[in-house]
């Protein structure tokens, strides 16, 4: 679908929309994370062969896919005060492995969107 100036639009885009787009998963509502000041941690590969680029913000680890047009977020895991970065990464890996092995209804901490 083309916009008035010839730029592509998503079907769910509404020009008057002032709040971020919210999608619903089986566990919670998901919204796009602000990754403008995030630090790239690298690529996380899980046992199924799937891999994700991981970004670190102040409150969460965001996972998805980095492309030449930007970062496509698949989801995030919230950081807990008592956890180190390594512990949060272990929890992220464990939840992603459960997601791909057993299904979305069995994950405990990750919040993901419909792209997963």
N, C-alpha and C. Protein backbone atom coordinates (compact mmCIF):
# COMPACT_ATOMS: atom_id res chain seq x y z
N UNK A 1 0.85 -1.17 0.00
CA UNK A 1 0.00 0.00 0.00
C UNK A 1 0.90 1.23 0.00
N UNK A 2 0.61 2.21 -0.78
CA UNK A 2 1.42 3.42 -0.91
C UNK A 2 0.75 4.60 -0.23
N UNK A 3 1.56 5.44 0.40
CA UNK A 3 1.07 6.64 1.05
C UNK A 3 0.92 7.78 0.05
N UNK A 4 0.51 8.93 0.49
CA UNK A 4 0.27 10.04 -0.42
C UNK A 4 1.53 10.54 -1.12
N UNK A 5 2.71 10.34 -0.54
CA UNK A 5 3.95 10.83 -1.15
C UNK A 5 4.69 9.67 -1.80
N UNK A 6 4.10 8.49 -1.88
CA UNK A 6 4.72 7.36 -2.52
C UNK A 6 5.55 6.49 -1.60
N UNK A 7 5.54 6.75 -0.30
CA UNK A 7 6.28 5.91 0.63
C UNK A 7 5.41 4.75 1.09
N UNK A 8 6.04 3.61 1.34
CA UNK A 8 5.29 2.44 1.78
C UNK A 8 4.75 2.66 3.19
N UNK A 9 3.56 2.16 3.44
CA UNK A 9 2.94 2.22 4.77
C UNK A 9 2.58 0.82 5.20
N UNK A 10 2.67 0.57 6.50
CA UNK A 10 2.16 -0.69 7.04
C UNK A 10 0.65 -0.60 7.05
N UNK A 11 -0.05 -1.72 6.90
CA UNK A 11 -1.52 -1.67 6.92
C UNK A 11 -2.09 -1.16 8.24
N UNK A 12 -1.34 -1.30 9.36
CA UNK A 12 -1.88 -0.88 10.65
C UNK A 12 -1.48 0.55 11.01
N UNK A 13 -0.80 1.26 10.13
CA UNK A 13 -0.36 2.62 10.40
C UNK A 13 -1.53 3.59 10.31
N UNK A 14 -1.64 4.42 11.33
CA UNK A 14 -2.64 5.47 11.33
C UNK A 14 -1.92 6.79 11.54
N UNK A 15 -1.96 7.73 10.60
CA UNK A 15 -1.21 8.97 10.72
C UNK A 15 -1.50 9.74 12.00
N UNK A 16 -2.69 9.61 12.57
CA UNK A 16 -3.02 10.35 13.78
C UNK A 16 -2.57 9.63 15.05
N UNK A 17 -1.97 8.47 14.90
CA UNK A 17 -1.57 7.68 16.06
C UNK A 17 -0.38 8.35 16.74
N UNK A 18 -0.53 8.71 18.04
CA UNK A 18 0.55 9.38 18.76
C UNK A 18 1.27 8.46 19.73
N UNK A 19 0.68 7.35 20.11
CA UNK A 19 1.34 6.41 21.02
C UNK A 19 1.96 5.28 20.21
N UNK A 20 2.97 4.56 20.81
CA UNK A 20 3.58 3.47 20.06
C UNK A 20 2.60 2.34 19.79
N UNK A 21 2.84 1.61 18.72
CA UNK A 21 2.01 0.48 18.36
C UNK A 21 2.13 -0.60 19.43
N UNK A 22 1.02 -1.17 19.86
CA UNK A 22 1.03 -2.22 20.87
C UNK A 22 0.45 -3.48 20.25
N UNK A 23 1.19 -4.58 20.37
CA UNK A 23 0.72 -5.87 19.90
C UNK A 23 0.55 -6.77 21.12
N UNK A 24 -0.31 -7.73 21.04
CA UNK A 24 -0.58 -8.60 22.16
C UNK A 24 -0.02 -9.99 21.91
N UNK A 25 0.63 -10.57 22.92
CA UNK A 25 1.09 -11.96 22.86
C UNK A 25 0.28 -12.75 23.86
N UNK A 26 0.64 -13.99 24.06
CA UNK A 26 -0.10 -14.82 24.98
C UNK A 26 0.13 -14.41 26.43
N UNK A 27 1.22 -13.70 26.72
CA UNK A 27 1.55 -13.38 28.11
C UNK A 27 1.27 -11.93 28.51
N UNK A 28 1.55 -11.01 27.66
CA UNK A 28 1.46 -9.61 28.04
C UNK A 28 1.37 -8.76 26.78
N UNK A 29 1.17 -7.47 26.97
CA UNK A 29 1.18 -6.57 25.82
C UNK A 29 2.62 -6.21 25.50
N UNK A 30 2.92 -6.15 24.23
CA UNK A 30 4.26 -5.84 23.76
C UNK A 30 4.25 -4.51 23.06
N UNK A 31 5.27 -3.70 23.27
CA UNK A 31 5.41 -2.46 22.53
C UNK A 31 6.87 -2.31 22.12
N UNK A 32 7.11 -1.52 21.12
CA UNK A 32 8.45 -1.31 20.61
C UNK A 32 9.32 -0.66 21.68
N UNK A 33 10.55 -1.14 21.84
CA UNK A 33 11.48 -0.60 22.83
C UNK A 33 12.27 0.56 22.24
N UNK A 34 12.62 1.49 23.08
CA UNK A 34 13.47 2.60 22.67
C UNK A 34 14.92 2.12 22.70
N UNK A 35 15.50 1.91 21.54
CA UNK A 35 16.87 1.38 21.46
C UNK A 35 17.86 2.43 20.93
N UNK A 36 17.48 3.70 20.99
CA UNK A 36 18.37 4.74 20.47
C UNK A 36 19.72 4.77 21.17
N UNK A 37 19.75 4.52 22.47
CA UNK A 37 21.00 4.59 23.23
C UNK A 37 21.43 3.21 23.73
N UNK A 38 20.98 2.17 23.09
CA UNK A 38 21.30 0.81 23.51
C UNK A 38 22.72 0.43 23.09
N UNK A 39 23.31 -0.47 23.85
CA UNK A 39 24.62 -1.02 23.52
C UNK A 39 24.42 -2.38 22.89
N UNK A 40 25.12 -2.64 21.80
CA UNK A 40 25.06 -3.94 21.16
C UNK A 40 25.89 -4.95 21.92
N UNK A 41 25.30 -6.08 22.29
CA UNK A 41 26.03 -7.11 23.03
C UNK A 41 26.55 -8.22 22.13
N UNK A 42 26.01 -8.33 20.94
CA UNK A 42 26.45 -9.37 20.01
C UNK A 42 25.30 -10.28 19.62
N UNK A 43 25.66 -11.46 19.13
CA UNK A 43 24.68 -12.42 18.64
C UNK A 43 24.56 -13.59 19.61
N UNK A 44 23.32 -13.97 19.88
CA UNK A 44 23.02 -15.09 20.76
C UNK A 44 22.43 -16.21 19.90
N UNK A 45 23.07 -17.39 19.92
CA UNK A 45 22.55 -18.53 19.18
C UNK A 45 22.03 -19.56 20.17
N UNK A 46 20.88 -20.15 19.86
CA UNK A 46 20.30 -21.16 20.74
C UNK A 46 20.40 -22.53 20.08
N UNK A 47 20.06 -23.58 20.83
CA UNK A 47 20.27 -24.96 20.38
C UNK A 47 19.50 -25.33 19.12
N UNK A 48 18.41 -24.65 18.81
CA UNK A 48 17.64 -24.97 17.60
C UNK A 48 18.29 -24.41 16.34
N UNK A 49 19.34 -23.61 16.50
CA UNK A 49 19.99 -23.00 15.36
C UNK A 49 19.53 -21.59 15.08
N UNK A 50 18.52 -21.12 15.79
CA UNK A 50 18.07 -19.73 15.66
C UNK A 50 19.11 -18.82 16.30
N UNK A 51 19.23 -17.62 15.79
CA UNK A 51 20.14 -16.66 16.41
C UNK A 51 19.49 -15.28 16.45
N UNK A 52 19.90 -14.50 17.45
CA UNK A 52 19.32 -13.18 17.69
C UNK A 52 20.42 -12.20 18.02
N UNK A 53 20.30 -10.98 17.52
CA UNK A 53 21.16 -9.89 17.95
C UNK A 53 20.56 -9.34 19.23
N UNK A 54 21.41 -9.02 20.20
CA UNK A 54 20.94 -8.57 21.51
C UNK A 54 21.48 -7.17 21.80
N UNK A 55 20.56 -6.30 22.21
CA UNK A 55 20.90 -4.93 22.61
C UNK A 55 20.59 -4.76 24.08
N UNK A 56 21.41 -3.97 24.77
CA UNK A 56 21.21 -3.73 26.19
C UNK A 56 20.76 -2.28 26.40
N UNK A 57 19.62 -2.12 27.08
CA UNK A 57 19.18 -0.80 27.52
C UNK A 57 19.29 -0.76 29.03
N UNK A 58 18.87 0.34 29.65
CA UNK A 58 18.96 0.44 31.11
C UNK A 58 18.07 -0.56 31.83
N UNK A 59 16.92 -0.89 31.23
CA UNK A 59 15.94 -1.71 31.93
C UNK A 59 15.71 -3.10 31.33
N UNK A 60 16.23 -3.35 30.11
CA UNK A 60 15.94 -4.63 29.47
C UNK A 60 17.00 -5.02 28.47
N UNK A 61 16.98 -6.29 28.09
CA UNK A 61 17.75 -6.79 26.97
C UNK A 61 16.76 -7.00 25.83
N UNK A 62 17.03 -6.40 24.70
CA UNK A 62 16.15 -6.46 23.54
C UNK A 62 16.78 -7.41 22.54
N UNK A 63 15.99 -8.35 21.99
CA UNK A 63 16.53 -9.28 21.01
C UNK A 63 15.75 -9.18 19.71
N UNK A 64 16.45 -9.44 18.62
CA UNK A 64 15.84 -9.35 17.30
C UNK A 64 16.87 -9.58 16.23
N UNK A 65 16.73 -8.83 15.15
CA UNK A 65 17.60 -9.02 13.98
C UNK A 65 18.06 -7.66 13.46
N UNK A 66 19.37 -7.49 13.38
CA UNK A 66 19.92 -6.26 12.81
C UNK A 66 20.03 -6.43 11.30
N UNK A 67 19.54 -5.44 10.56
CA UNK A 67 19.59 -5.47 9.10
C UNK A 67 20.19 -4.16 8.61
N UNK A 68 20.32 -4.04 7.31
CA UNK A 68 20.86 -2.81 6.75
C UNK A 68 19.88 -1.64 6.83
N UNK A 69 18.63 -1.89 7.17
CA UNK A 69 17.65 -0.81 7.31
C UNK A 69 17.29 -0.53 8.75
N UNK A 70 17.86 -1.26 9.69
CA UNK A 70 17.58 -1.02 11.09
C UNK A 70 17.49 -2.31 11.88
N UNK A 71 17.04 -2.19 13.10
CA UNK A 71 16.91 -3.32 14.01
C UNK A 71 15.45 -3.73 14.10
N UNK A 72 15.15 -4.98 13.79
CA UNK A 72 13.79 -5.50 13.91
C UNK A 72 13.68 -6.24 15.23
N UNK A 73 12.96 -5.65 16.16
CA UNK A 73 12.82 -6.21 17.50
C UNK A 73 11.84 -7.38 17.49
N UNK A 74 12.26 -8.49 18.10
CA UNK A 74 11.38 -9.64 18.28
C UNK A 74 10.81 -9.68 19.68
N UNK A 75 11.54 -9.13 20.64
CA UNK A 75 11.06 -9.13 22.02
C UNK A 75 12.12 -8.62 22.97
N UNK A 76 11.85 -8.82 24.26
CA UNK A 76 12.78 -8.35 25.28
C UNK A 76 12.61 -9.16 26.56
N UNK A 77 13.59 -9.01 27.45
CA UNK A 77 13.52 -9.55 28.80
C UNK A 77 13.87 -8.40 29.74
N UNK A 78 13.07 -8.19 30.76
CA UNK A 78 13.33 -7.12 31.71
C UNK A 78 14.49 -7.49 32.62
N UNK A 79 15.34 -6.52 32.92
CA UNK A 79 16.46 -6.74 33.83
C UNK A 79 15.94 -6.64 35.26
N UNK A 80 16.45 -7.49 36.13
CA UNK A 80 16.10 -7.41 37.54
C UNK A 80 17.28 -6.81 38.29
N UNK A 81 17.00 -6.09 39.37
CA UNK A 81 18.03 -5.35 40.10
C UNK A 81 19.17 -6.23 40.59
N UNK A 82 18.87 -7.40 41.08
CA UNK A 82 19.89 -8.26 41.68
C UNK A 82 20.66 -9.10 40.67
N UNK A 83 20.27 -9.08 39.40
CA UNK A 83 20.89 -9.90 38.38
C UNK A 83 22.07 -9.20 37.71
N UNK A 84 23.09 -10.00 37.41
CA UNK A 84 24.18 -9.48 36.59
C UNK A 84 23.76 -9.60 35.13
N UNK A 85 24.51 -8.97 34.26
CA UNK A 85 24.24 -9.07 32.83
C UNK A 85 24.34 -10.52 32.37
N UNK A 86 25.33 -11.25 32.85
CA UNK A 86 25.50 -12.66 32.46
C UNK A 86 24.31 -13.50 32.88
N UNK A 87 23.75 -13.25 34.06
CA UNK A 87 22.58 -14.00 34.53
C UNK A 87 21.35 -13.69 33.68
N UNK A 88 21.17 -12.43 33.32
CA UNK A 88 20.04 -12.06 32.47
C UNK A 88 20.18 -12.69 31.08
N UNK A 89 21.39 -12.72 30.55
CA UNK A 89 21.62 -13.38 29.26
C UNK A 89 21.33 -14.88 29.34
N UNK A 90 21.69 -15.52 30.45
CA UNK A 90 21.39 -16.94 30.63
C UNK A 90 19.88 -17.17 30.67
N UNK A 91 19.15 -16.30 31.36
CA UNK A 91 17.70 -16.41 31.42
C UNK A 91 17.08 -16.20 30.04
N UNK A 92 17.62 -15.24 29.29
CA UNK A 92 17.14 -14.99 27.94
C UNK A 92 17.34 -16.21 27.06
N UNK A 93 18.54 -16.78 27.09
CA UNK A 93 18.83 -17.98 26.30
C UNK A 93 17.90 -19.13 26.71
N UNK A 94 17.72 -19.35 27.99
CA UNK A 94 16.87 -20.44 28.47
C UNK A 94 15.43 -20.26 27.99
N UNK A 95 14.90 -19.05 28.11
CA UNK A 95 13.52 -18.80 27.68
C UNK A 95 13.36 -18.95 26.17
N UNK A 96 14.35 -18.49 25.40
CA UNK A 96 14.27 -18.65 23.95
C UNK A 96 14.31 -20.12 23.54
N UNK A 97 15.12 -20.91 24.23
CA UNK A 97 15.18 -22.34 23.93
C UNK A 97 13.85 -23.02 24.26
N UNK A 98 13.24 -22.64 25.39
CA UNK A 98 11.93 -23.18 25.75
C UNK A 98 10.89 -22.76 24.72
N UNK A 99 10.94 -21.51 24.28
CA UNK A 99 9.99 -20.99 23.30
C UNK A 99 10.03 -21.83 22.02
N UNK A 100 11.21 -22.10 21.51
CA UNK A 100 11.33 -22.84 20.25
C UNK A 100 11.15 -24.34 20.42
N UNK A 101 11.40 -24.88 21.60
CA UNK A 101 11.24 -26.31 21.83
C UNK A 101 9.81 -26.66 22.25
N UNK A 102 9.23 -25.89 23.18
CA UNK A 102 7.95 -26.26 23.79
C UNK A 102 6.79 -25.33 23.45
N UNK A 103 7.07 -24.09 23.07
CA UNK A 103 6.00 -23.17 22.74
C UNK A 103 5.97 -21.94 23.62
N UNK A 104 5.29 -20.92 23.14
CA UNK A 104 5.24 -19.62 23.82
C UNK A 104 4.58 -19.68 25.20
N UNK A 105 3.66 -20.59 25.38
CA UNK A 105 2.94 -20.64 26.66
C UNK A 105 3.80 -21.09 27.83
N UNK A 106 5.01 -21.60 27.56
CA UNK A 106 5.87 -22.12 28.62
C UNK A 106 7.02 -21.19 29.00
N UNK A 107 7.18 -20.06 28.35
CA UNK A 107 8.26 -19.15 28.71
C UNK A 107 7.89 -18.38 29.96
N UNK A 108 8.90 -17.96 30.72
CA UNK A 108 8.60 -17.31 31.98
C UNK A 108 8.87 -15.80 31.98
N UNK A 109 9.90 -15.34 31.24
CA UNK A 109 10.27 -13.93 31.37
C UNK A 109 10.30 -13.15 30.07
N UNK A 110 10.46 -13.77 28.94
CA UNK A 110 10.55 -12.97 27.71
C UNK A 110 9.17 -12.50 27.27
N UNK A 111 9.17 -11.34 26.66
CA UNK A 111 7.96 -10.79 26.06
C UNK A 111 8.28 -10.66 24.57
N UNK A 112 7.46 -11.24 23.73
CA UNK A 112 7.78 -11.24 22.31
C UNK A 112 6.57 -10.79 21.48
N UNK A 113 6.87 -10.44 20.24
CA UNK A 113 5.81 -9.98 19.35
C UNK A 113 5.41 -11.08 18.37
N UNK A 114 4.58 -10.73 17.42
CA UNK A 114 4.06 -11.73 16.47
C UNK A 114 5.09 -12.19 15.46
N UNK A 115 6.24 -11.50 15.33
CA UNK A 115 7.29 -11.91 14.39
C UNK A 115 7.94 -13.21 14.82
N UNK A 116 7.87 -13.53 16.07
CA UNK A 116 8.51 -14.77 16.55
C UNK A 116 7.78 -15.94 15.94
